[in-house]
Amino acid sequence: MLQEDSTSNPPSNTQSQTSYPSGPSRRSIVGGYVIDNATCVAWGSRIMERPLNPEVRNDSMAALSAILRKIERRPYRARFLMFGPESWKQYMVMTQSAPFSGWKGMDPELIPKFEEGEREAVARELLKMEGITQFEFRTELY
C-alpha cells in the first residue's frame, strides 16, 4: 500500500448506519490526477524517445516504469500508480492519501473527497510540461 503524508486532512469517515459492506475492504483513499492507458503509454513513449503501443502490455509496463522513474526521483511530491478494477487501464499521479475504512462498491457519496492544493499545483505543472492535457482530479479507494 502506498501512503504519502497528506498536507490536508480529508473529511471524516461518515458511513451511513444503513449501508453495509458488500465488497472487499479498502484501507485508504488516494487523491490525484487520473489518466488512461493511452495517455500513460504516450507519455512513457516521449520519455523513452521510442514508439510504444497502448495495446501491447509490455509497452504499457515499460511506460509505467519510465514514468515511475521520472516522477519518484524528482521533488514532485507525487507518486505514480496503477489502480482500478482492471490492470493497465487507469493510472494516477497521486498527491494525497489517508487511511480510510471502506469497501469496494460502497456508495461514492460516503467516500471523503480531497481538495486540490499546493501539491496538485506542482503535479499540474508536471503534467503540463510533459504534454499531458487529458486528466481529472479524483479521490479513489485504494
N, C-alpha and C. Protein backbone atom coordinates (compact mmCIF):
# COMPACT_ATOMS: atom_id res chain seq x y z
N MET A 1 0.84 -1.18 0.00
CA MET A 1 0.00 0.00 0.00
C MET A 1 0.88 1.23 0.00
N LEU A 2 0.64 2.14 -0.90
CA LEU A 2 1.37 3.38 -0.94
C LEU A 2 0.69 4.36 -0.01
N GLN A 3 1.49 5.10 0.73
CA GLN A 3 0.91 6.11 1.58
C GLN A 3 1.82 7.30 1.61
N GLU A 4 1.31 8.43 1.33
CA GLU A 4 2.04 9.67 1.29
C GLU A 4 1.44 10.56 2.36
N ASP A 5 2.27 11.28 3.08
CA ASP A 5 1.73 12.21 4.06
C ASP A 5 0.90 13.25 3.34
N SER A 6 -0.24 13.53 3.86
CA SER A 6 -1.15 14.48 3.24
C SER A 6 -0.97 15.84 3.88
N THR A 7 -1.01 16.90 3.08
CA THR A 7 -0.89 18.24 3.62
C THR A 7 -2.25 18.77 4.08
N SER A 8 -3.31 18.09 3.69
CA SER A 8 -4.64 18.48 4.15
C SER A 8 -5.33 17.26 4.73
N ASN A 9 -6.24 17.49 5.61
CA ASN A 9 -6.96 16.38 6.23
C ASN A 9 -8.25 16.13 5.46
N PRO A 10 -8.50 14.87 5.06
CA PRO A 10 -9.76 14.59 4.38
C PRO A 10 -10.90 14.65 5.39
N PRO A 11 -12.11 14.81 4.92
CA PRO A 11 -13.25 14.78 5.81
C PRO A 11 -13.31 13.44 6.53
N SER A 12 -13.97 13.43 7.68
CA SER A 12 -14.04 12.18 8.46
C SER A 12 -14.87 11.13 7.73
N ASN A 13 -14.66 9.88 8.13
CA ASN A 13 -15.35 8.74 7.53
C ASN A 13 -16.76 8.68 8.13
N THR A 14 -17.73 9.20 7.40
CA THR A 14 -19.10 9.26 7.89
C THR A 14 -19.97 8.27 7.14
N GLN A 15 -19.79 7.00 7.45
CA GLN A 15 -20.56 5.96 6.75
C GLN A 15 -21.97 5.88 7.31
N SER A 16 -22.91 5.65 6.41
CA SER A 16 -24.32 5.54 6.78
C SER A 16 -24.55 4.33 7.67
N GLN A 17 -25.42 4.47 8.62
CA GLN A 17 -25.77 3.37 9.50
C GLN A 17 -26.55 2.29 8.76
N THR A 18 -27.13 2.63 7.61
CA THR A 18 -27.91 1.65 6.85
C THR A 18 -27.12 1.06 5.70
N SER A 19 -25.86 1.43 5.55
CA SER A 19 -25.03 0.94 4.45
C SER A 19 -24.03 -0.08 4.99
N TYR A 20 -24.06 -1.29 4.46
CA TYR A 20 -23.20 -2.36 4.95
C TYR A 20 -22.22 -2.79 3.88
N PRO A 21 -21.01 -3.19 4.29
CA PRO A 21 -20.02 -3.64 3.31
C PRO A 21 -20.53 -4.81 2.49
N SER A 22 -20.30 -4.72 1.18
CA SER A 22 -20.72 -5.82 0.31
C SER A 22 -19.57 -6.29 -0.58
N GLY A 23 -18.44 -5.63 -0.52
CA GLY A 23 -17.30 -5.99 -1.35
C GLY A 23 -16.03 -6.05 -0.54
N PRO A 24 -14.91 -6.34 -1.20
CA PRO A 24 -13.61 -6.40 -0.50
C PRO A 24 -13.29 -5.07 0.18
N SER A 25 -12.64 -5.14 1.33
CA SER A 25 -12.33 -3.92 2.08
C SER A 25 -11.22 -3.12 1.41
N ARG A 26 -11.23 -1.84 1.67
CA ARG A 26 -10.18 -0.91 1.22
C ARG A 26 -9.73 -0.15 2.46
N ARG A 27 -8.43 0.05 2.57
CA ARG A 27 -7.86 0.63 3.79
C ARG A 27 -7.41 2.08 3.66
N SER A 28 -7.51 2.63 2.45
CA SER A 28 -7.09 4.02 2.28
C SER A 28 -7.81 4.66 1.11
N ILE A 29 -7.71 5.99 1.06
CA ILE A 29 -8.15 6.74 -0.09
C ILE A 29 -6.93 7.46 -0.65
N VAL A 30 -6.91 7.64 -1.96
CA VAL A 30 -5.83 8.37 -2.62
C VAL A 30 -6.45 9.45 -3.48
N GLY A 31 -5.73 10.54 -3.63
CA GLY A 31 -6.20 11.63 -4.47
C GLY A 31 -5.11 12.06 -5.43
N GLY A 32 -5.53 12.45 -6.61
CA GLY A 32 -4.57 12.92 -7.60
C GLY A 32 -5.19 12.96 -8.97
N TYR A 33 -4.33 13.05 -9.97
CA TYR A 33 -4.78 13.20 -11.35
C TYR A 33 -4.78 11.85 -12.06
N VAL A 34 -5.93 11.49 -12.60
CA VAL A 34 -6.14 10.21 -13.26
C VAL A 34 -5.95 10.37 -14.77
N ILE A 35 -5.19 9.42 -15.34
CA ILE A 35 -5.02 9.36 -16.79
C ILE A 35 -5.31 7.94 -17.26
N ASP A 36 -5.65 7.79 -18.52
CA ASP A 36 -5.94 6.45 -19.07
C ASP A 36 -4.67 5.81 -19.62
N ASN A 37 -4.78 4.56 -20.06
CA ASN A 37 -3.63 3.82 -20.55
C ASN A 37 -3.01 4.45 -21.79
N ALA A 38 -3.82 4.91 -22.73
CA ALA A 38 -3.27 5.52 -23.95
C ALA A 38 -2.44 6.75 -23.61
N THR A 39 -2.90 7.56 -22.67
CA THR A 39 -2.15 8.75 -22.25
C THR A 39 -0.87 8.35 -21.55
N CYS A 40 -0.94 7.34 -20.69
CA CYS A 40 0.23 6.84 -19.99
C CYS A 40 1.29 6.34 -20.98
N VAL A 41 0.87 5.56 -21.94
CA VAL A 41 1.80 4.99 -22.92
C VAL A 41 2.40 6.10 -23.80
N ALA A 42 1.60 7.08 -24.19
CA ALA A 42 2.13 8.19 -24.99
C ALA A 42 3.18 8.98 -24.19
N TRP A 43 2.91 9.19 -22.90
CA TRP A 43 3.85 9.89 -22.02
C TRP A 43 5.14 9.07 -21.89
N GLY A 44 5.00 7.79 -21.60
CA GLY A 44 6.17 6.92 -21.49
C GLY A 44 6.97 6.89 -22.78
N SER A 45 6.30 6.90 -23.90
CA SER A 45 6.95 6.91 -25.20
C SER A 45 7.81 8.16 -25.38
N ARG A 46 7.29 9.30 -24.96
CA ARG A 46 8.06 10.55 -25.06
C ARG A 46 9.28 10.50 -24.14
N ILE A 47 9.12 9.97 -22.94
CA ILE A 47 10.24 9.87 -22.00
C ILE A 47 11.32 8.95 -22.56
N MET A 48 10.90 7.81 -23.10
CA MET A 48 11.84 6.81 -23.61
C MET A 48 12.36 7.12 -25.01
N GLU A 49 11.72 8.10 -25.66
CA GLU A 49 12.09 8.50 -27.01
C GLU A 49 12.03 7.34 -28.00
N ARG A 50 10.97 6.55 -27.87
CA ARG A 50 10.72 5.47 -28.83
C ARG A 50 9.22 5.18 -28.83
N PRO A 51 8.70 4.70 -29.96
CA PRO A 51 7.26 4.44 -30.03
C PRO A 51 6.85 3.26 -29.15
N LEU A 52 5.72 3.43 -28.50
CA LEU A 52 5.11 2.37 -27.70
C LEU A 52 3.66 2.24 -28.12
N ASN A 53 3.10 1.05 -27.99
CA ASN A 53 1.73 0.77 -28.40
C ASN A 53 0.88 0.47 -27.16
N PRO A 54 -0.19 1.24 -26.92
CA PRO A 54 -1.02 1.00 -25.74
C PRO A 54 -1.73 -0.35 -25.74
N GLU A 55 -1.79 -1.01 -26.90
CA GLU A 55 -2.44 -2.32 -26.99
C GLU A 55 -1.49 -3.46 -26.59
N VAL A 56 -0.21 -3.15 -26.42
CA VAL A 56 0.79 -4.17 -26.07
C VAL A 56 1.12 -4.02 -24.59
N ARG A 57 0.82 -5.06 -23.79
CA ARG A 57 1.02 -4.98 -22.35
C ARG A 57 2.46 -4.63 -21.98
N ASN A 58 3.45 -5.22 -22.66
CA ASN A 58 4.84 -4.91 -22.35
C ASN A 58 5.15 -3.43 -22.57
N ASP A 59 4.52 -2.81 -23.54
CA ASP A 59 4.71 -1.37 -23.76
C ASP A 59 4.06 -0.57 -22.63
N SER A 60 2.90 -1.00 -22.16
CA SER A 60 2.27 -0.34 -21.00
C SER A 60 3.17 -0.45 -19.78
N MET A 61 3.77 -1.63 -19.57
CA MET A 61 4.67 -1.84 -18.44
C MET A 61 5.92 -0.94 -18.56
N ALA A 62 6.46 -0.85 -19.77
CA ALA A 62 7.63 0.00 -20.00
C ALA A 62 7.30 1.46 -19.73
N ALA A 63 6.13 1.91 -20.17
CA ALA A 63 5.71 3.29 -19.94
C ALA A 63 5.55 3.56 -18.45
N LEU A 64 4.88 2.65 -17.74
CA LEU A 64 4.70 2.79 -16.30
C LEU A 64 6.06 2.92 -15.61
N SER A 65 7.00 2.07 -15.95
CA SER A 65 8.33 2.10 -15.33
C SER A 65 9.06 3.42 -15.62
N ALA A 66 8.97 3.89 -16.85
CA ALA A 66 9.63 5.14 -17.22
C ALA A 66 9.06 6.32 -16.44
N ILE A 67 7.74 6.35 -16.30
CA ILE A 67 7.09 7.44 -15.57
C ILE A 67 7.42 7.35 -14.09
N LEU A 68 7.41 6.14 -13.53
CA LEU A 68 7.78 5.97 -12.12
C LEU A 68 9.17 6.53 -11.86
N ARG A 69 10.13 6.17 -12.70
CA ARG A 69 11.50 6.66 -12.52
C ARG A 69 11.55 8.19 -12.60
N LYS A 70 10.82 8.75 -13.52
CA LYS A 70 10.85 10.21 -13.69
C LYS A 70 10.20 10.93 -12.51
N ILE A 71 9.03 10.49 -12.10
CA ILE A 71 8.29 11.19 -11.04
C ILE A 71 8.91 10.97 -9.67
N GLU A 72 9.24 9.73 -9.35
CA GLU A 72 9.62 9.43 -7.98
C GLU A 72 11.07 9.78 -7.65
N ARG A 73 11.87 10.11 -8.64
CA ARG A 73 13.24 10.52 -8.33
C ARG A 73 13.37 12.03 -8.27
N ARG A 74 12.36 12.73 -8.60
CA ARG A 74 12.37 14.19 -8.61
C ARG A 74 11.53 14.72 -7.46
N PRO A 75 11.70 15.98 -7.13
CA PRO A 75 10.96 16.53 -5.99
C PRO A 75 9.54 16.98 -6.33
N TYR A 76 8.78 16.11 -7.00
CA TYR A 76 7.41 16.47 -7.38
C TYR A 76 6.41 16.25 -6.25
N ARG A 77 6.85 15.57 -5.20
CA ARG A 77 5.97 15.27 -4.06
C ARG A 77 4.73 14.52 -4.53
N ALA A 78 4.94 13.60 -5.46
CA ALA A 78 3.84 12.80 -6.00
C ALA A 78 4.36 11.39 -6.27
N ARG A 79 3.43 10.49 -6.44
CA ARG A 79 3.74 9.12 -6.84
C ARG A 79 2.90 8.78 -8.05
N PHE A 80 3.28 7.73 -8.73
CA PHE A 80 2.52 7.30 -9.89
C PHE A 80 2.09 5.86 -9.65
N LEU A 81 0.81 5.58 -9.81
CA LEU A 81 0.34 4.23 -9.55
C LEU A 81 -0.75 3.83 -10.53
N MET A 82 -0.88 2.53 -10.67
CA MET A 82 -1.94 1.94 -11.47
C MET A 82 -3.04 1.55 -10.48
N PHE A 83 -4.28 1.76 -10.86
CA PHE A 83 -5.38 1.38 -9.97
C PHE A 83 -6.62 1.07 -10.78
N GLY A 84 -7.62 0.60 -10.11
CA GLY A 84 -8.90 0.32 -10.76
C GLY A 84 -9.17 -1.17 -10.86
N PRO A 85 -10.36 -1.51 -11.30
CA PRO A 85 -10.75 -2.92 -11.34
C PRO A 85 -10.01 -3.72 -12.40
N GLU A 86 -9.49 -3.06 -13.44
CA GLU A 86 -8.76 -3.76 -14.50
C GLU A 86 -7.33 -3.24 -14.56
N SER A 87 -6.37 -4.16 -14.62
CA SER A 87 -4.97 -3.77 -14.74
C SER A 87 -4.71 -3.09 -16.07
N TRP A 88 -3.77 -2.15 -16.05
CA TRP A 88 -3.30 -1.47 -17.24
C TRP A 88 -4.37 -0.61 -17.93
N LYS A 89 -5.33 -0.09 -17.17
CA LYS A 89 -6.38 0.75 -17.75
C LYS A 89 -6.35 2.18 -17.22
N GLN A 90 -6.08 2.35 -15.91
CA GLN A 90 -6.09 3.67 -15.29
C GLN A 90 -4.86 3.85 -14.41
N TYR A 91 -4.38 5.09 -14.39
CA TYR A 91 -3.20 5.44 -13.59
C TYR A 91 -3.49 6.74 -12.87
N MET A 92 -2.73 7.00 -11.81
CA MET A 92 -2.91 8.24 -11.07
C MET A 92 -1.56 8.83 -10.70
N VAL A 93 -1.43 10.14 -10.93
CA VAL A 93 -0.35 10.90 -10.33
C VAL A 93 -0.88 11.25 -8.95
N MET A 94 -0.50 10.45 -7.95
CA MET A 94 -1.06 10.54 -6.60
C MET A 94 -0.36 11.64 -5.81
N THR A 95 -1.14 12.54 -5.28
CA THR A 95 -0.61 13.64 -4.49
C THR A 95 -1.03 13.60 -3.02
N GLN A 96 -2.06 12.82 -2.71
CA GLN A 96 -2.55 12.73 -1.34
C GLN A 96 -3.02 11.32 -1.04
N SER A 97 -2.93 10.94 0.23
CA SER A 97 -3.52 9.69 0.68
C SER A 97 -3.83 9.80 2.17
N ALA A 98 -4.74 8.96 2.61
CA ALA A 98 -5.10 8.94 4.02
C ALA A 98 -5.73 7.59 4.35
N PRO A 99 -5.60 7.14 5.60
CA PRO A 99 -6.28 5.91 6.00
C PRO A 99 -7.79 6.10 5.88
N PHE A 100 -8.47 5.04 5.50
CA PHE A 100 -9.92 5.09 5.38
C PHE A 100 -10.44 3.66 5.43
N SER A 101 -11.50 3.46 6.16
CA SER A 101 -12.10 2.14 6.26
C SER A 101 -13.31 2.09 5.34
N GLY A 102 -13.13 1.44 4.19
CA GLY A 102 -14.21 1.36 3.21
C GLY A 102 -14.21 0.01 2.54
N TRP A 103 -14.98 -0.10 1.46
CA TRP A 103 -15.05 -1.36 0.74
C TRP A 103 -15.37 -1.07 -0.73
N LYS A 104 -14.93 -1.98 -1.57
CA LYS A 104 -15.20 -1.87 -3.00
C LYS A 104 -16.70 -1.90 -3.22
N GLY A 105 -17.19 -0.99 -4.03
CA GLY A 105 -18.60 -0.93 -4.33
C GLY A 105 -19.41 -0.06 -3.38
N MET A 106 -18.75 0.58 -2.41
CA MET A 106 -19.52 1.41 -1.48
C MET A 106 -20.03 2.67 -2.19
N ASP A 107 -21.05 3.26 -1.64
CA ASP A 107 -21.65 4.47 -2.19
C ASP A 107 -20.59 5.56 -2.28
N PRO A 108 -20.32 6.10 -3.46
CA PRO A 108 -19.30 7.16 -3.59
C PRO A 108 -19.56 8.38 -2.72
N GLU A 109 -20.82 8.62 -2.39
CA GLU A 109 -21.15 9.76 -1.53
C GLU A 109 -20.59 9.59 -0.11
N LEU A 110 -20.28 8.35 0.28
CA LEU A 110 -19.75 8.08 1.62
C LEU A 110 -18.22 8.20 1.68
N ILE A 111 -17.59 8.37 0.54
CA ILE A 111 -16.13 8.47 0.48
C ILE A 111 -15.73 9.94 0.56
N PRO A 112 -14.92 10.31 1.58
CA PRO A 112 -14.49 11.71 1.67
C PRO A 112 -13.68 12.11 0.43
N LYS A 113 -13.73 13.36 0.09
CA LYS A 113 -13.03 13.86 -1.11
C LYS A 113 -11.89 14.79 -0.69
N PHE A 114 -10.74 14.59 -1.33
CA PHE A 114 -9.63 15.51 -1.16
C PHE A 114 -9.90 16.76 -1.98
N GLU A 115 -9.27 17.87 -1.56
CA GLU A 115 -9.35 19.10 -2.33
C GLU A 115 -7.97 19.38 -2.93
N GLU A 116 -7.97 20.03 -4.08
CA GLU A 116 -6.72 20.38 -4.73
C GLU A 116 -6.02 21.49 -3.94
N GLY A 117 -4.69 21.38 -3.88
CA GLY A 117 -3.90 22.36 -3.14
C GLY A 117 -2.52 22.54 -3.76
N GLU A 118 -1.52 22.81 -2.91
CA GLU A 118 -0.16 23.09 -3.37
C GLU A 118 0.46 21.91 -4.13
N ARG A 119 0.31 20.71 -3.61
CA ARG A 119 0.88 19.54 -4.29
C ARG A 119 0.25 19.35 -5.68
N GLU A 120 -1.01 19.61 -5.77
CA GLU A 120 -1.69 19.46 -7.06
C GLU A 120 -1.22 20.50 -8.06
N ALA A 121 -0.89 21.72 -7.58
CA ALA A 121 -0.34 22.74 -8.47
C ALA A 121 0.97 22.25 -9.07
N VAL A 122 1.82 21.61 -8.25
CA VAL A 122 3.09 21.06 -8.74
C VAL A 122 2.82 19.93 -9.74
N ALA A 123 1.87 19.05 -9.41
CA ALA A 123 1.54 17.94 -10.31
C ALA A 123 0.96 18.43 -11.63
N ARG A 124 0.09 19.45 -11.58
CA ARG A 124 -0.47 20.01 -12.81
C ARG A 124 0.64 20.59 -13.70
N GLU A 125 1.61 21.25 -13.07
CA GLU A 125 2.74 21.81 -13.82
C GLU A 125 3.55 20.70 -14.46
N LEU A 126 3.79 19.62 -13.72
CA LEU A 126 4.50 18.46 -14.28
C LEU A 126 3.75 17.91 -15.49
N LEU A 127 2.45 17.70 -15.35
CA LEU A 127 1.65 17.16 -16.46
C LEU A 127 1.70 18.10 -17.67
N LYS A 128 1.59 19.39 -17.40
CA LYS A 128 1.65 20.38 -18.48
C LYS A 128 3.01 20.32 -19.20
N MET A 129 4.11 20.26 -18.43
CA MET A 129 5.45 20.17 -19.02
C MET A 129 5.62 18.90 -19.84
N GLU A 130 4.92 17.83 -19.46
CA GLU A 130 5.03 16.55 -20.15
C GLU A 130 4.04 16.41 -21.31
N GLY A 131 3.26 17.48 -21.56
CA GLY A 131 2.34 17.45 -22.69
C GLY A 131 1.04 16.71 -22.42
N ILE A 132 0.74 16.47 -21.14
CA ILE A 132 -0.50 15.76 -20.77
C ILE A 132 -1.60 16.80 -20.58
N THR A 133 -2.68 16.65 -21.34
CA THR A 133 -3.79 17.60 -21.23
C THR A 133 -5.08 16.92 -20.78
N GLN A 134 -5.15 15.60 -20.91
CA GLN A 134 -6.36 14.85 -20.53
C GLN A 134 -6.15 14.19 -19.18
N PHE A 135 -6.61 14.83 -18.11
CA PHE A 135 -6.53 14.26 -16.77
C PHE A 135 -7.66 14.83 -15.93
N GLU A 136 -7.93 14.14 -14.85
CA GLU A 136 -9.03 14.53 -13.96
C GLU A 136 -8.60 14.33 -12.52
N PHE A 137 -8.84 15.31 -11.65
CA PHE A 137 -8.55 15.17 -10.23
C PHE A 137 -9.66 14.35 -9.59
N ARG A 138 -9.27 13.28 -8.88
CA ARG A 138 -10.25 12.42 -8.22
C ARG A 138 -9.71 11.91 -6.89
N THR A 139 -10.64 11.51 -6.06
CA THR A 139 -10.34 10.75 -4.84
C THR A 139 -10.88 9.36 -5.06
N GLU A 140 -10.05 8.35 -4.79
CA GLU A 140 -10.43 6.96 -5.04
C GLU A 140 -10.09 6.08 -3.85
N LEU A 141 -10.86 5.01 -3.67
CA LEU A 141 -10.50 3.99 -2.70
C LEU A 141 -9.25 3.27 -3.20
N TYR A 142 -8.40 2.86 -2.26
CA TYR A 142 -7.19 2.14 -2.67
C TYR A 142 -6.94 1.01 -1.71
